[in-house]
């Protein structure tokens, strides 16, 4: 499956118009004030990526260290059931959740389950670490996934 085929599949599942081929080859399919989820190709893999939480504040160094330590511990404990990668853009101090997908493993029968698993795991991470994020609003509310 090509990146654009996968993106078209995601957009159709979400009931959104399929975008034209992006020159940047990065497609954002959920964007609002709380969520930003995108998909792009990198080194022969597709990457589902989402911002999690708000950018870390340099003035809250101790709080940031505690949060990062807890996230690392959580990631290590859940690696058996969740294959998402938690990472941080050092320049922006923004945390991200990423899922790497092998294009040859994707087809129309299983493609949505990879995306849905990512979105559910994203909600779990958000609920666990950023509980002040509204859970009953926006496209990531569980009813959106039904």
N, C-alpha and C. Protein backbone atom coordinates (compact mmCIF):
# COMPACT_ATOMS: atom_id res chain seq x y z
N UNK A 1 0.85 -1.18 0.00
CA UNK A 1 0.00 0.00 0.00
C UNK A 1 0.90 1.24 0.00
N UNK A 2 0.58 2.19 -0.85
CA UNK A 2 1.34 3.43 -0.88
C UNK A 2 0.84 4.36 0.23
N UNK A 3 1.63 5.38 0.53
CA UNK A 3 1.22 6.33 1.57
C UNK A 3 -0.11 6.98 1.20
N UNK A 4 -0.23 7.42 -0.05
CA UNK A 4 -1.47 8.09 -0.43
C UNK A 4 -2.66 7.14 -0.37
N UNK A 5 -2.47 5.88 -0.73
CA UNK A 5 -3.56 4.89 -0.61
C UNK A 5 -3.98 4.73 0.85
N UNK A 6 -3.00 4.68 1.74
CA UNK A 6 -3.29 4.54 3.16
C UNK A 6 -4.01 5.77 3.69
N UNK A 7 -3.55 6.94 3.28
CA UNK A 7 -4.19 8.19 3.69
C UNK A 7 -5.62 8.24 3.17
N UNK A 8 -5.81 7.88 1.91
CA UNK A 8 -7.16 7.87 1.33
C UNK A 8 -8.06 6.92 2.11
N UNK A 9 -7.53 5.78 2.50
CA UNK A 9 -8.28 4.81 3.29
C UNK A 9 -8.70 5.41 4.63
N UNK A 10 -7.76 6.07 5.32
CA UNK A 10 -8.06 6.70 6.61
C UNK A 10 -9.15 7.77 6.45
N UNK A 11 -8.99 8.64 5.47
CA UNK A 11 -9.95 9.72 5.26
C UNK A 11 -11.34 9.17 4.93
N UNK A 12 -11.41 8.10 4.13
CA UNK A 12 -12.70 7.49 3.81
C UNK A 12 -13.34 6.93 5.07
N UNK A 13 -12.55 6.28 5.92
CA UNK A 13 -13.07 5.73 7.17
C UNK A 13 -13.61 6.83 8.08
N UNK A 14 -12.97 7.98 8.04
CA UNK A 14 -13.40 9.11 8.87
C UNK A 14 -14.53 9.92 8.23
N UNK A 15 -14.90 9.55 6.99
CA UNK A 15 -15.96 10.27 6.29
C UNK A 15 -15.54 11.66 5.84
N UNK A 16 -14.24 11.82 5.56
CA UNK A 16 -13.71 13.11 5.14
C UNK A 16 -13.29 13.03 3.67
N UNK A 17 -13.30 14.16 2.96
CA UNK A 17 -12.83 14.14 1.58
C UNK A 17 -11.34 13.80 1.52
N UNK A 18 -10.98 12.96 0.57
CA UNK A 18 -9.59 12.52 0.42
C UNK A 18 -8.76 13.68 -0.12
N UNK A 19 -7.64 13.99 0.54
CA UNK A 19 -6.81 15.11 0.09
C UNK A 19 -6.02 14.75 -1.17
N UNK A 20 -5.58 15.78 -1.83
CA UNK A 20 -4.67 15.58 -2.96
C UNK A 20 -3.31 15.17 -2.41
N UNK A 21 -2.47 14.64 -3.27
CA UNK A 21 -1.14 14.23 -2.85
C UNK A 21 -0.41 15.45 -2.30
N UNK A 22 0.12 15.31 -1.10
CA UNK A 22 0.83 16.40 -0.44
C UNK A 22 2.27 16.46 -0.92
N UNK A 23 2.73 17.66 -1.22
CA UNK A 23 4.13 17.82 -1.63
C UNK A 23 5.07 17.47 -0.48
N UNK A 24 4.64 17.75 0.75
CA UNK A 24 5.46 17.44 1.93
C UNK A 24 5.34 15.97 2.31
N UNK A 25 4.35 15.29 1.76
CA UNK A 25 4.06 13.89 2.08
C UNK A 25 3.76 13.71 3.56
N UNK A 26 3.13 14.73 4.18
CA UNK A 26 2.65 14.62 5.55
C UNK A 26 1.19 15.03 5.53
N UNK A 27 0.36 14.17 6.04
CA UNK A 27 -1.08 14.40 6.03
C UNK A 27 -1.58 14.50 7.45
N UNK A 28 -2.29 15.58 7.75
CA UNK A 28 -2.89 15.76 9.07
C UNK A 28 -4.37 15.45 8.92
N UNK A 29 -4.84 14.45 9.70
CA UNK A 29 -6.23 14.07 9.51
C UNK A 29 -7.13 14.35 10.70
N UNK A 30 -6.57 14.74 11.83
CA UNK A 30 -7.40 15.22 12.94
C UNK A 30 -6.66 16.42 13.51
N UNK A 31 -7.28 17.57 13.37
CA UNK A 31 -6.66 18.77 13.89
C UNK A 31 -7.75 19.62 14.54
N UNK A 32 -7.58 19.89 15.82
CA UNK A 32 -8.41 20.87 16.51
C UNK A 32 -7.59 21.39 17.68
N UNK A 33 -8.21 22.07 18.62
CA UNK A 33 -7.42 22.69 19.68
C UNK A 33 -6.78 21.68 20.63
N UNK A 34 -7.25 20.44 20.64
CA UNK A 34 -6.71 19.43 21.56
C UNK A 34 -5.88 18.36 20.87
N UNK A 35 -6.12 18.11 19.60
CA UNK A 35 -5.53 16.95 18.94
C UNK A 35 -4.90 17.32 17.60
N UNK A 36 -3.81 16.68 17.31
CA UNK A 36 -3.18 16.81 16.00
C UNK A 36 -2.57 15.45 15.66
N UNK A 37 -3.19 14.76 14.72
CA UNK A 37 -2.72 13.44 14.32
C UNK A 37 -2.33 13.51 12.86
N UNK A 38 -1.17 12.96 12.53
CA UNK A 38 -0.71 12.99 11.15
C UNK A 38 -0.10 11.65 10.77
N UNK A 39 0.08 11.48 9.47
CA UNK A 39 0.73 10.28 8.95
C UNK A 39 1.69 10.72 7.86
N UNK A 40 2.87 10.11 7.84
CA UNK A 40 3.87 10.42 6.82
C UNK A 40 4.78 9.21 6.64
N UNK A 41 5.57 9.24 5.59
CA UNK A 41 6.51 8.15 5.31
C UNK A 41 7.90 8.56 5.78
N UNK A 42 8.61 7.57 6.34
CA UNK A 42 9.99 7.81 6.78
C UNK A 42 10.74 6.49 6.71
N UNK A 43 11.79 6.46 5.93
CA UNK A 43 12.65 5.28 5.80
C UNK A 43 11.85 4.00 5.55
N UNK A 44 11.05 4.02 4.52
CA UNK A 44 10.27 2.85 4.07
C UNK A 44 9.20 2.40 5.06
N UNK A 45 8.85 3.24 6.01
CA UNK A 45 7.77 2.95 6.94
C UNK A 45 6.80 4.12 6.95
N UNK A 46 5.57 3.85 7.37
CA UNK A 46 4.61 4.91 7.60
C UNK A 46 4.64 5.22 9.09
N UNK A 47 4.51 6.49 9.42
CA UNK A 47 4.52 6.93 10.81
C UNK A 47 3.20 7.61 11.12
N UNK A 48 2.46 7.04 12.07
CA UNK A 48 1.30 7.73 12.64
C UNK A 48 1.86 8.52 13.81
N UNK A 49 1.54 9.79 13.88
CA UNK A 49 2.10 10.64 14.93
C UNK A 49 1.03 11.55 15.50
N UNK A 50 1.10 11.77 16.79
CA UNK A 50 0.17 12.69 17.45
C UNK A 50 0.89 13.45 18.54
N UNK A 51 0.56 14.73 18.65
CA UNK A 51 1.05 15.50 19.79
C UNK A 51 0.32 15.00 21.02
N UNK A 52 1.03 14.94 22.14
CA UNK A 52 0.38 14.59 23.39
C UNK A 52 0.69 15.68 24.42
N UNK A 53 -0.33 16.09 25.11
CA UNK A 53 -0.16 17.14 26.11
C UNK A 53 0.20 18.47 25.47
N UNK A 54 0.63 19.38 26.32
CA UNK A 54 1.08 20.70 25.87
C UNK A 54 2.60 20.74 25.92
N UNK A 55 3.21 21.67 25.19
CA UNK A 55 4.68 21.76 25.27
C UNK A 55 5.14 21.94 26.72
N UNK A 56 6.25 21.32 27.04
CA UNK A 56 6.80 21.44 28.39
C UNK A 56 7.36 22.84 28.60
N UNK A 57 7.18 23.34 29.80
CA UNK A 57 7.67 24.67 30.13
C UNK A 57 9.05 24.57 30.76
N UNK A 58 10.03 25.30 30.22
CA UNK A 58 11.38 25.27 30.81
C UNK A 58 11.41 25.67 32.28
N UNK A 59 10.44 26.44 32.71
CA UNK A 59 10.42 26.89 34.11
C UNK A 59 9.96 25.80 35.07
N UNK A 60 9.40 24.71 34.55
CA UNK A 60 8.90 23.61 35.39
C UNK A 60 9.81 22.39 35.29
N UNK A 61 11.10 22.59 35.43
CA UNK A 61 12.08 21.53 35.20
C UNK A 61 11.83 20.29 36.07
N UNK A 62 11.56 20.48 37.33
CA UNK A 62 11.34 19.33 38.23
C UNK A 62 10.08 18.57 37.83
N UNK A 63 9.03 19.31 37.54
CA UNK A 63 7.77 18.70 37.11
C UNK A 63 7.96 17.96 35.78
N UNK A 64 8.73 18.55 34.86
CA UNK A 64 9.01 17.91 33.57
C UNK A 64 9.77 16.61 33.76
N UNK A 65 10.77 16.62 34.64
CA UNK A 65 11.56 15.41 34.90
C UNK A 65 10.68 14.30 35.46
N UNK A 66 9.79 14.66 36.37
CA UNK A 66 8.88 13.68 36.95
C UNK A 66 7.96 13.10 35.88
N UNK A 67 7.39 13.97 35.06
CA UNK A 67 6.50 13.52 33.98
C UNK A 67 7.24 12.59 33.02
N UNK A 68 8.43 12.97 32.59
CA UNK A 68 9.19 12.16 31.64
C UNK A 68 9.59 10.81 32.25
N UNK A 69 9.95 10.80 33.52
CA UNK A 69 10.31 9.56 34.19
C UNK A 69 9.08 8.64 34.28
N UNK A 70 7.92 9.21 34.61
CA UNK A 70 6.69 8.42 34.68
C UNK A 70 6.30 7.89 33.30
N UNK A 71 6.49 8.71 32.27
CA UNK A 71 6.15 8.27 30.92
C UNK A 71 7.09 7.16 30.45
N UNK A 72 8.35 7.26 30.78
CA UNK A 72 9.30 6.21 30.43
C UNK A 72 8.92 4.91 31.13
N UNK A 73 8.62 4.99 32.40
CA UNK A 73 8.21 3.82 33.16
C UNK A 73 6.95 3.20 32.56
N UNK A 74 5.97 4.04 32.22
CA UNK A 74 4.72 3.59 31.61
C UNK A 74 5.01 2.91 30.27
N UNK A 75 5.86 3.53 29.45
CA UNK A 75 6.19 2.98 28.14
C UNK A 75 6.88 1.63 28.28
N UNK A 76 7.78 1.50 29.23
CA UNK A 76 8.46 0.23 29.43
C UNK A 76 7.51 -0.87 29.91
N UNK A 77 6.56 -0.50 30.77
CA UNK A 77 5.60 -1.48 31.29
C UNK A 77 4.59 -1.91 30.23
N UNK A 78 4.28 -1.04 29.28
CA UNK A 78 3.23 -1.34 28.31
C UNK A 78 3.76 -1.82 26.96
N UNK A 79 5.07 -1.98 26.84
CA UNK A 79 5.64 -2.35 25.54
C UNK A 79 5.12 -3.69 25.03
N UNK A 80 4.67 -4.55 25.92
CA UNK A 80 4.14 -5.84 25.49
C UNK A 80 2.80 -5.70 24.79
N UNK A 81 2.04 -4.68 25.14
CA UNK A 81 0.70 -4.51 24.56
C UNK A 81 0.57 -3.27 23.67
N UNK A 82 1.43 -2.31 23.86
CA UNK A 82 1.40 -1.09 23.06
C UNK A 82 2.75 -0.95 22.37
N UNK A 83 2.73 -0.74 21.07
CA UNK A 83 4.01 -0.59 20.37
C UNK A 83 4.28 0.85 19.95
N UNK A 84 3.54 1.78 20.53
CA UNK A 84 3.78 3.19 20.25
C UNK A 84 5.10 3.63 20.88
N UNK A 85 5.68 4.65 20.28
CA UNK A 85 6.92 5.23 20.76
C UNK A 85 6.59 6.60 21.32
N UNK A 86 7.04 6.88 22.53
CA UNK A 86 6.87 8.21 23.12
C UNK A 86 8.18 8.95 22.92
N UNK A 87 8.11 10.16 22.37
CA UNK A 87 9.33 10.92 22.11
C UNK A 87 9.05 12.41 22.29
N UNK A 88 10.13 13.20 22.24
CA UNK A 88 9.98 14.63 22.45
C UNK A 88 10.80 15.39 21.41
N UNK A 89 10.21 16.43 20.88
CA UNK A 89 10.91 17.37 20.02
C UNK A 89 11.61 18.34 20.97
N UNK A 90 12.92 18.25 21.05
CA UNK A 90 13.69 19.04 22.00
C UNK A 90 13.58 20.53 21.77
N UNK A 91 13.49 20.95 20.53
CA UNK A 91 13.41 22.37 20.22
C UNK A 91 12.08 22.97 20.65
N UNK A 92 11.00 22.26 20.37
CA UNK A 92 9.66 22.74 20.69
C UNK A 92 9.22 22.31 22.09
N UNK A 93 9.97 21.38 22.71
CA UNK A 93 9.61 20.82 24.02
C UNK A 93 8.21 20.19 23.97
N UNK A 94 7.87 19.59 22.80
CA UNK A 94 6.57 18.96 22.60
C UNK A 94 6.72 17.45 22.62
N UNK A 95 5.85 16.78 23.36
CA UNK A 95 5.84 15.33 23.41
C UNK A 95 4.99 14.79 22.26
N UNK A 96 5.41 13.64 21.73
CA UNK A 96 4.71 13.00 20.63
C UNK A 96 4.56 11.52 20.91
N UNK A 97 3.54 10.95 20.34
CA UNK A 97 3.34 9.52 20.34
C UNK A 97 3.41 9.10 18.87
N UNK A 98 4.21 8.06 18.59
CA UNK A 98 4.38 7.61 17.21
C UNK A 98 4.18 6.10 17.13
N UNK A 99 3.63 5.70 16.01
CA UNK A 99 3.48 4.27 15.71
C UNK A 99 4.06 4.05 14.33
N UNK A 100 4.99 3.11 14.22
CA UNK A 100 5.62 2.79 12.94
C UNK A 100 4.87 1.63 12.30
N UNK A 101 4.56 1.78 11.01
CA UNK A 101 3.82 0.75 10.29
C UNK A 101 4.60 0.33 9.06
N UNK A 102 4.62 -0.94 8.79
CA UNK A 102 5.25 -1.47 7.59
C UNK A 102 4.20 -1.46 6.48
N UNK A 103 4.42 -0.72 5.38
CA UNK A 103 3.42 -0.62 4.32
C UNK A 103 3.00 -1.97 3.76
N UNK A 104 3.90 -2.95 3.74
CA UNK A 104 3.53 -4.25 3.19
C UNK A 104 2.58 -5.03 4.10
N UNK A 105 2.46 -4.60 5.36
CA UNK A 105 1.53 -5.26 6.29
C UNK A 105 0.12 -4.68 6.21
N UNK A 106 -0.04 -3.56 5.52
CA UNK A 106 -1.32 -2.86 5.49
C UNK A 106 -2.16 -3.27 4.29
N UNK A 107 -3.45 -3.43 4.54
CA UNK A 107 -4.41 -3.65 3.46
C UNK A 107 -5.75 -3.09 3.92
N UNK A 108 -6.75 -3.19 3.08
CA UNK A 108 -8.05 -2.59 3.42
C UNK A 108 -8.76 -3.34 4.53
N UNK A 109 -8.36 -4.57 4.80
CA UNK A 109 -9.01 -5.33 5.87
C UNK A 109 -8.43 -5.00 7.23
N UNK A 110 -7.13 -4.67 7.30
CA UNK A 110 -6.53 -4.44 8.62
C UNK A 110 -6.06 -3.00 8.85
N UNK A 111 -6.05 -2.18 7.80
CA UNK A 111 -5.53 -0.81 7.92
C UNK A 111 -6.18 0.02 9.00
N UNK A 112 -7.51 -0.06 9.08
CA UNK A 112 -8.21 0.76 10.06
C UNK A 112 -7.92 0.29 11.49
N UNK A 113 -7.72 -1.01 11.69
CA UNK A 113 -7.45 -1.49 13.05
C UNK A 113 -6.14 -0.93 13.58
N UNK A 114 -5.13 -0.73 12.71
CA UNK A 114 -3.88 -0.11 13.15
C UNK A 114 -4.13 1.34 13.59
N UNK A 115 -4.92 2.06 12.81
CA UNK A 115 -5.21 3.46 13.13
C UNK A 115 -6.05 3.54 14.40
N UNK A 116 -7.06 2.71 14.48
CA UNK A 116 -7.94 2.72 15.65
C UNK A 116 -7.17 2.36 16.92
N UNK A 117 -6.30 1.35 16.85
CA UNK A 117 -5.48 1.00 18.01
C UNK A 117 -4.61 2.18 18.44
N UNK A 118 -4.03 2.88 17.47
CA UNK A 118 -3.21 4.04 17.77
C UNK A 118 -4.03 5.11 18.49
N UNK A 119 -5.22 5.39 17.98
CA UNK A 119 -6.07 6.42 18.58
C UNK A 119 -6.51 6.04 19.99
N UNK A 120 -6.85 4.78 20.19
CA UNK A 120 -7.25 4.32 21.53
C UNK A 120 -6.06 4.42 22.48
N UNK A 121 -4.88 3.98 22.04
CA UNK A 121 -3.70 4.06 22.90
C UNK A 121 -3.32 5.50 23.19
N UNK A 122 -3.53 6.38 22.22
CA UNK A 122 -3.29 7.80 22.44
C UNK A 122 -4.21 8.33 23.54
N UNK A 123 -5.47 7.91 23.50
CA UNK A 123 -6.41 8.33 24.55
C UNK A 123 -5.97 7.81 25.92
N UNK A 124 -5.49 6.58 25.97
CA UNK A 124 -5.02 6.01 27.23
C UNK A 124 -3.86 6.84 27.78
N UNK A 125 -2.92 7.18 26.92
CA UNK A 125 -1.76 7.98 27.34
C UNK A 125 -2.21 9.37 27.81
N UNK A 126 -3.09 9.99 27.03
CA UNK A 126 -3.60 11.31 27.41
C UNK A 126 -4.33 11.25 28.75
N UNK A 127 -5.19 10.25 28.92
CA UNK A 127 -5.94 10.12 30.17
C UNK A 127 -5.01 9.89 31.35
N UNK A 128 -3.99 9.09 31.14
CA UNK A 128 -3.08 8.73 32.22
C UNK A 128 -2.19 9.90 32.67
N UNK A 129 -1.72 10.69 31.71
CA UNK A 129 -0.74 11.74 32.03
C UNK A 129 -1.26 13.17 31.93
N UNK A 130 -2.31 13.37 31.17
CA UNK A 130 -2.80 14.73 30.95
C UNK A 130 -4.30 14.76 31.18
N UNK A 131 -4.72 14.38 32.37
CA UNK A 131 -6.15 14.22 32.67
C UNK A 131 -6.94 15.51 32.60
N UNK A 132 -6.27 16.65 32.50
CA UNK A 132 -6.99 17.92 32.39
C UNK A 132 -7.48 18.18 30.97
N UNK A 133 -7.15 17.30 30.01
CA UNK A 133 -7.63 17.45 28.65
C UNK A 133 -9.09 17.01 28.61
N UNK A 134 -9.98 17.82 28.03
CA UNK A 134 -11.39 17.44 27.98
C UNK A 134 -11.56 16.10 27.26
N UNK A 135 -12.33 15.18 27.86
CA UNK A 135 -12.50 13.85 27.29
C UNK A 135 -13.84 13.70 26.59
N UNK A 136 -14.72 14.65 26.78
CA UNK A 136 -16.05 14.49 26.21
C UNK A 136 -16.27 15.43 25.02
N UNK A 137 -15.19 15.93 24.46
CA UNK A 137 -15.30 16.83 23.33
C UNK A 137 -14.33 16.41 22.24
N UNK A 138 -14.57 16.91 21.06
CA UNK A 138 -13.61 16.72 19.98
C UNK A 138 -13.71 15.36 19.32
N UNK A 139 -12.98 15.20 18.23
CA UNK A 139 -13.10 14.00 17.42
C UNK A 139 -12.52 12.76 18.06
N UNK A 140 -11.77 12.89 19.16
CA UNK A 140 -11.17 11.72 19.77
C UNK A 140 -12.03 11.12 20.87
N UNK A 141 -13.19 11.69 21.12
CA UNK A 141 -14.10 11.11 22.08
C UNK A 141 -14.40 9.68 21.62
N UNK A 142 -14.51 8.71 22.56
CA UNK A 142 -14.72 7.33 22.15
C UNK A 142 -15.85 7.12 21.14
N UNK A 143 -16.91 7.94 21.18
CA UNK A 143 -18.00 7.77 20.22
C UNK A 143 -17.52 8.01 18.79
N UNK A 144 -16.45 8.78 18.63
CA UNK A 144 -15.89 9.04 17.31
C UNK A 144 -15.31 7.76 16.71
N UNK A 145 -14.82 6.87 17.56
CA UNK A 145 -14.19 5.64 17.10
C UNK A 145 -15.19 4.54 16.77
N UNK A 146 -16.46 4.70 17.13
CA UNK A 146 -17.45 3.65 16.88
C UNK A 146 -17.84 3.59 15.42
